[in-house]
């Protein structure tokens, strides 16, 4: 099937003479889009602007869950029934690239100099694969603390003086904990894998040694698991049997919550009456790194027909335009990767301000970890965290099982595109 796709793409490229400046006859392109409600509504509202300026291009939107979409892309493209442009989750980028299911973005839209100018040096290098760009990240997210200023005020606290060191932060959370009344001082239920992930990076750990080997059975990961256990059993700031962290905080029952920053969009949509703000994660020293940051991926061209490729490129330009990206980032709850958009007042004010600060160079780590890894390894990591934190499995046993399962999964995972750096890649990049 892979050879069939490659042949179709070669025919479509026909000497690589396609450019976006060529005239486009009236055509219709199919777009597979996420089912995330705020993003769906945002596209519905903005689509009319594209249609007014491109009357010859008709856009047909089909919303699919992101995992379903990625699983269906390869076989449908091979059968000639796939979409012309698709919104994908970052977890599926490597498999789709390896299956040769994506079309490179035409260079008259984005060459390296333009990508460097708009997105910066790191993205210009990381996402330039074999001299071409197949996808560009629309946003960044990282883990932060969400806080309810009204509950903090009742206990004599304010957002500006939330402690920056874990021991002091957890002491504050304990004073606001009343589990008998359903009030966790620091809502963490359901966030175990993300907490372990952040604390491991704070302690200098990595999940991957390189793009072939995992590093689950390490001292840093053992300590991160123990820290998560201590939140329940030593500090008693939440209960394993209570509400999920999202519900406890969203309904105004918890003063503090651990979450990734995408929760900004979720709060605005689901709990608009609950006041909230964010601050950076505490650390063991009070100084960064705060944890890991991730890239949010979005749109890729999957068309086969040359005319549809050009039309899809026109739509791609619209989707990555600053005007569209500004509102898209807000709807998605992320910080835009386009550097000039980060300078907008919206992202220099609450609740985005602390996220932008956390994403400053040196404050968080990104080694291509998680985002571009095998989805199976990510699932193994989450299952390991649940086994140790929720099910009482000894840490050594949980880590040993996960190390073995993840190592086997990596043998089936191939990342020739070098998007998964791991510890070795991170250290090499830091030496440049």
Protein backbone atom coordinates (compact mmCIF):
# COMPACT_ATOMS: atom_id res chain seq x y z
CA UNK A 1 0.00 0.00 0.00
CA UNK A 2 2.89 2.37 0.78
CA UNK A 3 4.29 1.93 -2.73
CA UNK A 4 0.88 2.77 -4.17
CA UNK A 5 0.76 6.04 -2.21
CA UNK A 6 4.31 6.92 -3.23
CA UNK A 7 3.46 6.31 -6.89
CA UNK A 8 0.38 8.51 -6.66
CA UNK A 9 2.39 11.31 -5.08
CA UNK A 10 5.07 11.11 -7.75
CA UNK A 11 2.45 11.37 -10.47
CA UNK A 12 0.88 14.35 -8.65
CA UNK A 13 4.21 16.13 -8.29
CA UNK A 14 4.93 15.71 -12.06
CA UNK A 15 8.36 17.23 -12.10
CA UNK A 16 7.77 19.35 -8.99
CA UNK A 17 6.43 22.13 -11.16
CA UNK A 18 3.37 22.85 -9.02
CA UNK A 19 3.28 26.32 -7.49
CA UNK A 20 0.58 28.03 -5.53
CA UNK A 21 0.66 31.00 -7.90
CA UNK A 22 -0.75 28.91 -10.75
CA UNK A 23 -4.38 29.55 -11.69
CA UNK A 24 -6.91 27.34 -9.94
CA UNK A 25 -9.98 26.24 -11.83
CA UNK A 26 -13.19 25.93 -9.85
CA UNK A 27 -12.73 22.98 -7.55
CA UNK A 28 -13.88 21.49 -4.27
CA UNK A 29 -11.55 20.19 -1.59
CA UNK A 30 -12.44 17.96 1.32
CA UNK A 31 -11.09 18.82 4.76
CA UNK A 32 -11.03 16.47 7.75
CA UNK A 33 -11.32 18.58 10.88
CA UNK A 34 -11.19 17.86 14.60
CA UNK A 35 -14.38 17.40 16.64
CA UNK A 36 -13.12 19.76 19.38
CA UNK A 37 -16.15 21.96 19.84
CA UNK A 38 -14.58 25.45 20.17
CA UNK A 39 -12.32 24.82 17.19
CA UNK A 40 -15.23 23.54 15.09
CA UNK A 41 -17.28 26.63 15.90
CA UNK A 42 -14.35 28.92 15.21
CA UNK A 43 -13.75 27.46 11.75
CA UNK A 44 -17.47 27.63 10.94
CA UNK A 45 -17.42 31.33 11.75
CA UNK A 46 -14.20 32.14 9.88
CA UNK A 47 -14.79 30.04 6.78
CA UNK A 48 -16.90 32.72 5.12
CA UNK A 49 -13.84 35.03 4.93
CA UNK A 50 -11.95 32.44 2.89
CA UNK A 51 -14.93 31.78 0.61
CA UNK A 52 -15.32 35.49 -0.18
CA UNK A 53 -11.72 35.83 -1.32
CA UNK A 54 -11.56 32.41 -3.03
CA UNK A 55 -14.90 32.01 -4.86
CA UNK A 56 -13.50 29.22 -7.07
CA UNK A 57 -12.59 26.98 -4.11
CA UNK A 58 -15.35 25.20 -2.21
CA UNK A 59 -14.50 23.71 1.18
CA UNK A 60 -16.25 20.58 2.38
CA UNK A 61 -15.70 19.99 6.12
CA UNK A 62 -16.00 16.60 7.81
CA UNK A 63 -15.38 16.45 11.57
CA UNK A 64 -13.72 13.32 12.96
CA UNK A 65 -12.10 12.40 16.29
CA UNK A 66 -8.37 12.92 15.87
CA UNK A 67 -7.38 9.31 16.55
CA UNK A 68 -10.01 8.02 14.12
CA UNK A 69 -8.87 10.53 11.53
CA UNK A 70 -5.24 9.47 11.70
CA UNK A 71 -6.09 5.78 11.50
CA UNK A 72 -8.23 6.34 8.40
CA UNK A 73 -5.89 8.66 6.49
CA UNK A 74 -3.45 6.05 5.21
CA UNK A 75 -5.95 3.54 3.78
CA UNK A 76 -8.22 6.21 2.31
CA UNK A 77 -5.35 7.98 0.55
CA UNK A 78 -4.21 4.64 -0.87
CA UNK A 79 -7.74 4.03 -2.13
CA UNK A 80 -7.94 7.51 -3.65
CA UNK A 81 -10.79 8.51 -1.34
CA UNK A 82 -8.88 10.48 1.27
CA UNK A 83 -9.26 14.16 2.14
CA UNK A 84 -7.24 16.94 0.56
CA UNK A 85 -6.27 18.56 3.84
CA UNK A 86 -6.45 17.16 7.37
CA UNK A 87 -6.10 18.39 10.95
CA UNK A 88 -3.94 15.91 12.85
CA UNK A 89 -2.80 15.41 16.43
CA UNK A 90 0.95 15.53 17.04
CA UNK A 91 1.00 11.88 18.16
CA UNK A 92 0.27 10.74 14.60
CA UNK A 93 2.79 12.81 12.67
CA UNK A 94 5.61 10.25 12.50
CA UNK A 95 3.40 7.31 11.39
CA UNK A 96 1.87 9.43 8.65
CA UNK A 97 5.25 10.65 7.45
CA UNK A 98 6.63 7.12 7.50
CA UNK A 99 3.63 5.96 5.44
CA UNK A 100 4.38 8.74 2.91
CA UNK A 101 0.79 9.89 3.34
CA UNK A 102 1.54 13.64 3.55
CA UNK A 103 2.37 16.17 0.85
CA UNK A 104 5.08 18.77 1.48
CA UNK A 105 3.95 22.38 1.69
CA UNK A 106 4.79 24.10 -1.58
CA UNK A 107 7.98 26.17 -1.17
CA UNK A 108 6.42 29.36 -2.53
CA UNK A 109 4.21 29.30 0.59
CA UNK A 110 6.85 28.44 3.20
CA UNK A 111 10.57 28.20 2.59
CA UNK A 112 13.11 28.10 5.40
CA UNK A 113 13.68 31.85 5.52
CA UNK A 114 9.97 32.59 5.82
CA UNK A 115 9.48 29.91 8.48
CA UNK A 116 12.45 31.26 10.44
CA UNK A 117 11.06 34.80 10.26
CA UNK A 118 7.55 33.82 11.38
CA UNK A 119 8.23 30.94 13.78
CA UNK A 120 11.87 31.26 14.83
CA UNK A 121 15.04 29.23 14.35
CA UNK A 122 14.04 26.14 16.37
CA UNK A 123 10.87 25.43 14.38
CA UNK A 124 12.60 26.25 11.10
CA UNK A 125 15.16 23.53 11.87
CA UNK A 126 13.06 20.90 13.66
CA UNK A 127 10.21 20.82 11.16
CA UNK A 128 12.37 20.96 8.03
CA UNK A 129 12.36 17.31 7.06
CA UNK A 130 14.63 16.27 4.21
CA UNK A 131 14.64 19.87 3.00
CA UNK A 132 10.84 20.27 3.05
CA UNK A 133 8.07 21.33 5.42
CA UNK A 134 5.13 18.97 5.80
CA UNK A 135 3.47 20.62 8.77
CA UNK A 136 4.03 23.62 11.04
CA UNK A 137 2.95 23.77 14.69
CA UNK A 138 0.22 26.26 15.45
CA UNK A 139 0.75 26.41 19.21
CA UNK A 140 2.58 25.47 22.39
CA UNK A 141 1.27 24.22 25.71
CA UNK A 142 2.83 23.34 29.03
CA UNK A 143 1.76 22.41 32.54
CA UNK A 144 0.73 25.20 34.92
CA UNK A 145 -1.22 25.74 38.13
CA UNK A 146 -4.77 27.03 37.79
CA UNK A 147 -6.06 28.97 40.78
CA UNK A 148 -9.39 30.43 41.88
CA UNK A 149 -8.68 33.96 43.21
CA UNK A 150 -11.93 34.11 45.20
CA UNK A 151 -11.20 30.96 47.20
CA UNK A 152 -7.61 32.07 47.75
CA UNK A 153 -8.85 35.39 49.11
CA UNK A 154 -11.02 33.62 51.70
CA UNK A 155 -7.88 32.05 53.12
CA UNK A 156 -5.82 35.22 53.02
CA UNK A 157 -3.86 34.42 49.86
CA UNK A 158 -3.46 36.08 46.49
CA UNK A 159 -2.27 34.82 43.14
CA UNK A 160 0.81 37.04 43.19
CA UNK A 161 2.21 35.31 46.28
CA UNK A 162 1.56 31.65 45.46
CA UNK A 163 4.78 29.91 46.57
CA UNK A 164 7.28 28.89 43.90
CA UNK A 165 8.77 25.98 45.86
CA UNK A 166 6.88 22.69 46.15
CA UNK A 167 7.09 22.30 49.95
CA UNK A 168 5.76 25.81 50.56
CA UNK A 169 3.11 25.44 47.87
CA UNK A 170 1.84 22.15 49.31
CA UNK A 171 1.77 23.62 52.83
CA UNK A 172 -0.50 26.36 51.47
CA UNK A 173 -2.67 23.77 49.70
CA UNK A 174 -3.04 21.76 52.92
CA UNK A 175 -4.45 24.79 54.74
CA UNK A 176 -7.18 25.08 52.09
CA UNK A 177 -8.00 21.35 52.01
CA UNK A 178 -11.31 20.12 53.45
CA UNK A 179 -11.93 16.70 51.93
CA UNK A 180 -14.91 16.14 54.19
CA UNK A 181 -16.65 18.97 52.33
CA UNK A 182 -15.34 17.89 48.94
CA UNK A 183 -12.68 20.61 48.74
CA UNK A 184 -9.24 19.41 47.62
CA UNK A 185 -6.57 21.99 48.34
CA UNK A 186 -4.78 21.05 45.12
CA UNK A 187 -6.94 19.14 42.62
CA UNK A 188 -4.86 16.42 40.94
CA UNK A 189 -7.20 13.45 40.39
CA UNK A 190 -6.83 12.20 36.81
CA UNK A 191 -3.66 14.24 36.22
CA UNK A 192 -1.19 11.60 37.40
CA UNK A 193 0.70 10.98 34.16
CA UNK A 194 1.12 14.74 33.61
CA UNK A 195 2.33 15.35 37.17
CA UNK A 196 4.85 12.51 36.97
CA UNK A 197 5.98 13.81 33.58
CA UNK A 198 6.56 17.38 34.85
CA UNK A 199 8.32 16.36 38.07
CA UNK A 200 10.58 13.92 36.22
CA UNK A 201 11.78 16.74 33.94
CA UNK A 202 12.20 19.07 36.91
CA UNK A 203 14.55 16.46 38.41
CA UNK A 204 16.54 16.20 35.18
CA UNK A 205 14.99 13.02 33.81
CA UNK A 206 13.94 12.04 30.28
CA UNK A 207 11.62 9.36 28.93
CA UNK A 208 13.75 8.67 25.87
CA UNK A 209 17.48 8.20 25.45
CA UNK A 210 17.22 8.73 21.71
CA UNK A 211 14.73 7.85 18.96
CA UNK A 212 15.18 4.13 19.62
CA UNK A 213 15.53 3.68 23.39
CA UNK A 214 13.32 4.55 26.38
CA UNK A 215 14.47 5.52 29.88
CA UNK A 216 11.60 4.50 32.15
CA UNK A 217 13.54 2.70 34.89
CA UNK A 218 15.43 5.71 36.25
CA UNK A 219 15.91 7.38 39.62
CA UNK A 220 14.20 10.56 38.38
CA UNK A 221 11.08 8.65 37.35
CA UNK A 222 11.01 6.71 40.62
CA UNK A 223 11.16 9.97 42.55
CA UNK A 224 8.45 11.54 40.38
CA UNK A 225 6.13 8.60 41.04
CA UNK A 226 6.80 8.83 44.77
CA UNK A 227 6.08 12.55 44.70
CA UNK A 228 2.67 11.87 43.14
CA UNK A 229 1.95 9.20 45.78
CA UNK A 230 2.94 11.67 48.51
CA UNK A 231 0.43 14.23 47.25
CA UNK A 232 -2.31 11.78 48.26
CA UNK A 233 -0.79 9.88 51.17
CA UNK A 234 1.56 12.38 52.86
CA UNK A 235 0.15 15.80 52.08
CA UNK A 236 -3.46 14.59 51.66
CA UNK A 237 -4.41 17.52 49.42
CA UNK A 238 -6.82 15.41 47.33
CA UNK A 239 -8.42 11.98 47.33
CA UNK A 240 -8.25 9.23 44.75
CA UNK A 241 -12.01 8.73 45.13
CA UNK A 242 -13.10 12.33 44.67
CA UNK A 243 -14.09 14.39 41.66
CA UNK A 244 -11.73 14.65 38.74
CA UNK A 245 -9.40 17.63 38.98
CA UNK A 246 -11.16 19.32 36.08
CA UNK A 247 -14.60 19.01 37.63
CA UNK A 248 -13.46 19.95 41.13
CA UNK A 249 -11.81 23.13 39.90
CA UNK A 250 -14.31 23.97 37.19
CA UNK A 251 -17.27 23.82 39.59
CA UNK A 252 -15.50 26.10 42.08
CA UNK A 253 -14.74 23.46 44.73
CA UNK A 254 -10.92 23.57 44.52
CA UNK A 255 -8.67 26.61 44.95
CA UNK A 256 -5.75 25.10 43.00
CA UNK A 257 -5.43 22.58 40.18
CA UNK A 258 -2.66 20.98 38.14
CA UNK A 259 -3.33 20.95 34.38
CA UNK A 260 -1.82 21.58 31.01
CA UNK A 261 -2.57 25.03 29.67
CA UNK A 262 -5.09 23.80 27.07
CA UNK A 263 -7.51 23.85 30.02
CA UNK A 264 -7.77 27.63 29.49
CA UNK A 265 -10.00 27.03 26.47
CA UNK A 266 -11.95 24.34 28.31
CA UNK A 267 -12.62 26.61 31.31
CA UNK A 268 -13.85 29.46 29.14
CA UNK A 269 -16.21 27.14 27.30
CA UNK A 270 -17.44 24.81 30.06
CA UNK A 271 -17.27 26.87 33.26
CA UNK A 272 -17.60 30.52 32.19
CA UNK A 273 -18.89 31.62 35.61
CA UNK A 274 -15.96 30.27 37.63
CA UNK A 275 -13.13 32.80 38.11
CA UNK A 276 -9.62 31.52 37.46
CA UNK A 277 -6.08 32.44 36.59
CA UNK A 278 -2.79 30.60 36.11
CA UNK A 279 0.75 30.63 37.47
CA UNK A 280 3.85 28.60 36.67
CA UNK A 281 4.41 25.26 38.37
CA UNK A 282 6.35 25.22 41.62
CA UNK A 283 9.74 23.51 41.46
CA UNK A 284 12.05 22.03 44.09
CA UNK A 285 14.40 25.01 43.89
CA UNK A 286 11.99 27.80 42.98
CA UNK A 287 13.75 28.11 39.63
CA UNK A 288 13.08 26.55 36.21
CA UNK A 289 12.81 24.25 34.38
CA UNK A 290 9.12 23.94 35.20
CA UNK A 291 8.66 20.77 33.15
CA UNK A 292 8.13 20.01 29.47
CA UNK A 293 6.45 21.92 26.70
CA UNK A 294 4.75 20.42 23.68
CA UNK A 295 3.99 21.46 20.14
CA UNK A 296 0.41 21.53 18.94
CA UNK A 297 0.23 20.33 15.38
CA UNK A 298 -2.57 21.08 13.03
CA UNK A 299 -2.92 21.02 9.29
CA UNK A 300 -1.32 18.83 6.65
CA UNK A 301 -1.89 18.50 2.91
CA UNK A 302 -3.00 15.05 1.78
CA UNK A 303 -4.32 15.79 -1.71
CA UNK A 304 -3.26 13.73 -4.73
CA UNK A 305 -4.68 15.68 -7.67
CA UNK A 306 -2.41 18.64 -8.65
CA UNK A 307 -5.28 21.14 -8.84
CA UNK A 308 -6.53 20.08 -5.42
CA UNK A 309 -3.00 20.37 -4.07
CA UNK A 310 -2.92 24.01 -5.16
CA UNK A 311 -6.38 24.64 -3.70
CA UNK A 312 -5.40 22.94 -0.45
CA UNK A 313 -2.30 25.13 -0.31
CA UNK A 314 -4.46 28.24 -0.63
CA UNK A 315 -6.58 27.01 2.27
CA UNK A 316 -3.40 26.16 4.21
CA UNK A 317 -2.23 29.76 3.78
CA UNK A 318 -5.55 30.94 5.20
CA UNK A 319 -5.36 28.56 8.18
CA UNK A 320 -1.83 29.72 9.04
CA UNK A 321 -2.51 33.42 8.48
CA UNK A 322 -2.00 35.60 11.58
CA UNK A 323 -5.66 36.67 11.64
CA UNK A 324 -6.91 33.08 11.71
CA UNK A 325 -4.19 31.87 14.07
CA UNK A 326 -4.90 34.56 16.65
CA UNK A 327 -8.48 33.46 17.23
CA UNK A 328 -7.63 29.79 16.75
CA UNK A 329 -5.07 29.87 19.57
CA UNK A 330 -7.59 31.43 21.94
CA UNK A 331 -10.26 28.88 21.01
CA UNK A 332 -7.76 26.04 21.45
CA UNK A 333 -6.33 27.45 24.69
CA UNK A 334 -2.72 27.51 23.53
CA UNK A 335 0.08 30.00 22.96
CA UNK A 336 0.63 30.66 19.23
CA UNK A 337 3.99 29.62 17.82
CA UNK A 338 4.03 32.64 15.51
CA UNK A 339 6.36 35.01 17.33
CA UNK A 340 4.56 38.26 16.52
CA UNK A 341 1.25 36.87 17.75
CA UNK A 342 2.82 36.21 21.15
CA UNK A 343 3.36 39.95 21.44
CA UNK A 344 -0.38 40.62 21.29
CA UNK A 345 -1.89 42.04 24.47
CA UNK A 346 -4.10 38.96 24.82
CA UNK A 347 -1.08 36.72 25.42
CA UNK A 348 0.69 39.21 27.65
CA UNK A 349 -2.27 39.29 30.03
CA UNK A 350 -3.94 36.74 32.31
CA UNK A 351 -4.47 33.80 32.09
CA UNK A 352 -1.94 33.40 29.24
CA UNK A 353 0.86 35.50 30.76
CA UNK A 354 2.30 32.77 32.99
CA UNK A 355 2.17 30.25 30.15
CA UNK A 356 4.19 32.57 27.89
CA UNK A 357 6.68 33.00 30.74
CA UNK A 358 6.96 29.24 31.21
CA UNK A 359 7.63 28.82 27.50
CA UNK A 360 10.59 31.21 27.47
CA UNK A 361 13.86 29.53 26.43
CA UNK A 362 15.33 27.60 29.35
CA UNK A 363 12.16 27.63 31.44
CA UNK A 364 10.79 24.39 30.00
CA UNK A 365 12.31 21.46 28.15
CA UNK A 366 11.37 20.11 24.77
CA UNK A 367 13.38 17.22 23.47
CA UNK A 368 10.84 16.14 20.91
CA UNK A 369 9.62 13.94 23.75
CA UNK A 370 6.06 12.58 23.95
CA UNK A 371 4.68 14.68 21.08
CA UNK A 372 6.46 12.77 18.35
CA UNK A 373 6.81 9.41 20.03
CA UNK A 374 4.99 6.14 19.57
CA UNK A 375 1.41 6.43 20.76
CA UNK A 376 1.83 2.97 22.28
CA UNK A 377 4.68 4.26 24.49
CA UNK A 378 2.56 7.17 25.66
CA UNK A 379 -0.24 4.76 26.61
CA UNK A 380 2.26 2.52 28.45
CA UNK A 381 3.55 5.53 30.40
CA UNK A 382 0.01 6.53 31.43
CA UNK A 383 -0.86 2.96 32.44
CA UNK A 384 2.33 2.76 34.52
CA UNK A 385 1.45 5.96 36.38
CA UNK A 386 -2.07 4.70 37.12
CA UNK A 387 -0.74 1.32 38.28
CA UNK A 388 1.66 2.92 40.76
CA UNK A 389 -0.46 5.86 41.92
CA UNK A 390 -4.00 4.44 41.85
CA UNK A 391 -3.63 0.66 42.03
CA UNK A 392 -0.86 0.39 44.61
CA UNK A 393 1.61 -1.55 42.44
CA UNK A 394 5.18 -1.18 43.79
CA UNK A 395 7.11 1.45 41.88
CA UNK A 396 9.96 -0.88 40.96
CA UNK A 397 7.53 -3.43 39.56
CA UNK A 398 5.49 -0.86 37.64
CA UNK A 399 8.62 0.71 36.15
CA UNK A 400 10.16 -2.64 35.25
CA UNK A 401 7.04 -3.77 33.40
CA UNK A 402 6.73 -0.41 31.63
CA UNK A 403 10.42 -0.41 30.64
CA UNK A 404 10.04 -3.84 29.03
CA UNK A 405 6.76 -3.05 27.26
CA UNK A 406 7.96 0.35 26.03
CA UNK A 407 11.23 -1.11 24.74
CA UNK A 408 9.26 -3.65 22.71
CA UNK A 409 6.97 -0.92 21.39
CA UNK A 410 9.99 1.14 20.28
CA UNK A 411 11.22 -1.78 18.17
CA UNK A 412 8.03 -1.41 16.12
CA UNK A 413 8.26 2.39 16.05
CA UNK A 414 10.47 3.97 13.40
CA UNK A 415 11.24 7.68 13.33
CA UNK A 416 13.64 8.29 10.45
CA UNK A 417 12.56 11.93 10.40
CA UNK A 418 14.47 12.77 13.60
CA UNK A 419 11.56 14.40 15.39
CA UNK A 420 12.17 12.33 18.51
CA UNK A 421 15.40 13.67 19.99
CA UNK A 422 15.50 12.14 23.47
CA UNK A 423 18.15 12.96 26.07
CA UNK A 424 21.05 12.58 23.65
CA UNK A 425 19.46 14.84 21.04
CA UNK A 426 18.59 17.45 23.65
CA UNK A 427 22.12 17.55 25.00
CA UNK A 428 23.57 17.79 21.51
CA UNK A 429 21.23 20.67 20.66
CA UNK A 430 22.16 22.51 23.87
CA UNK A 431 25.83 22.31 22.90
CA UNK A 432 25.28 24.21 19.65
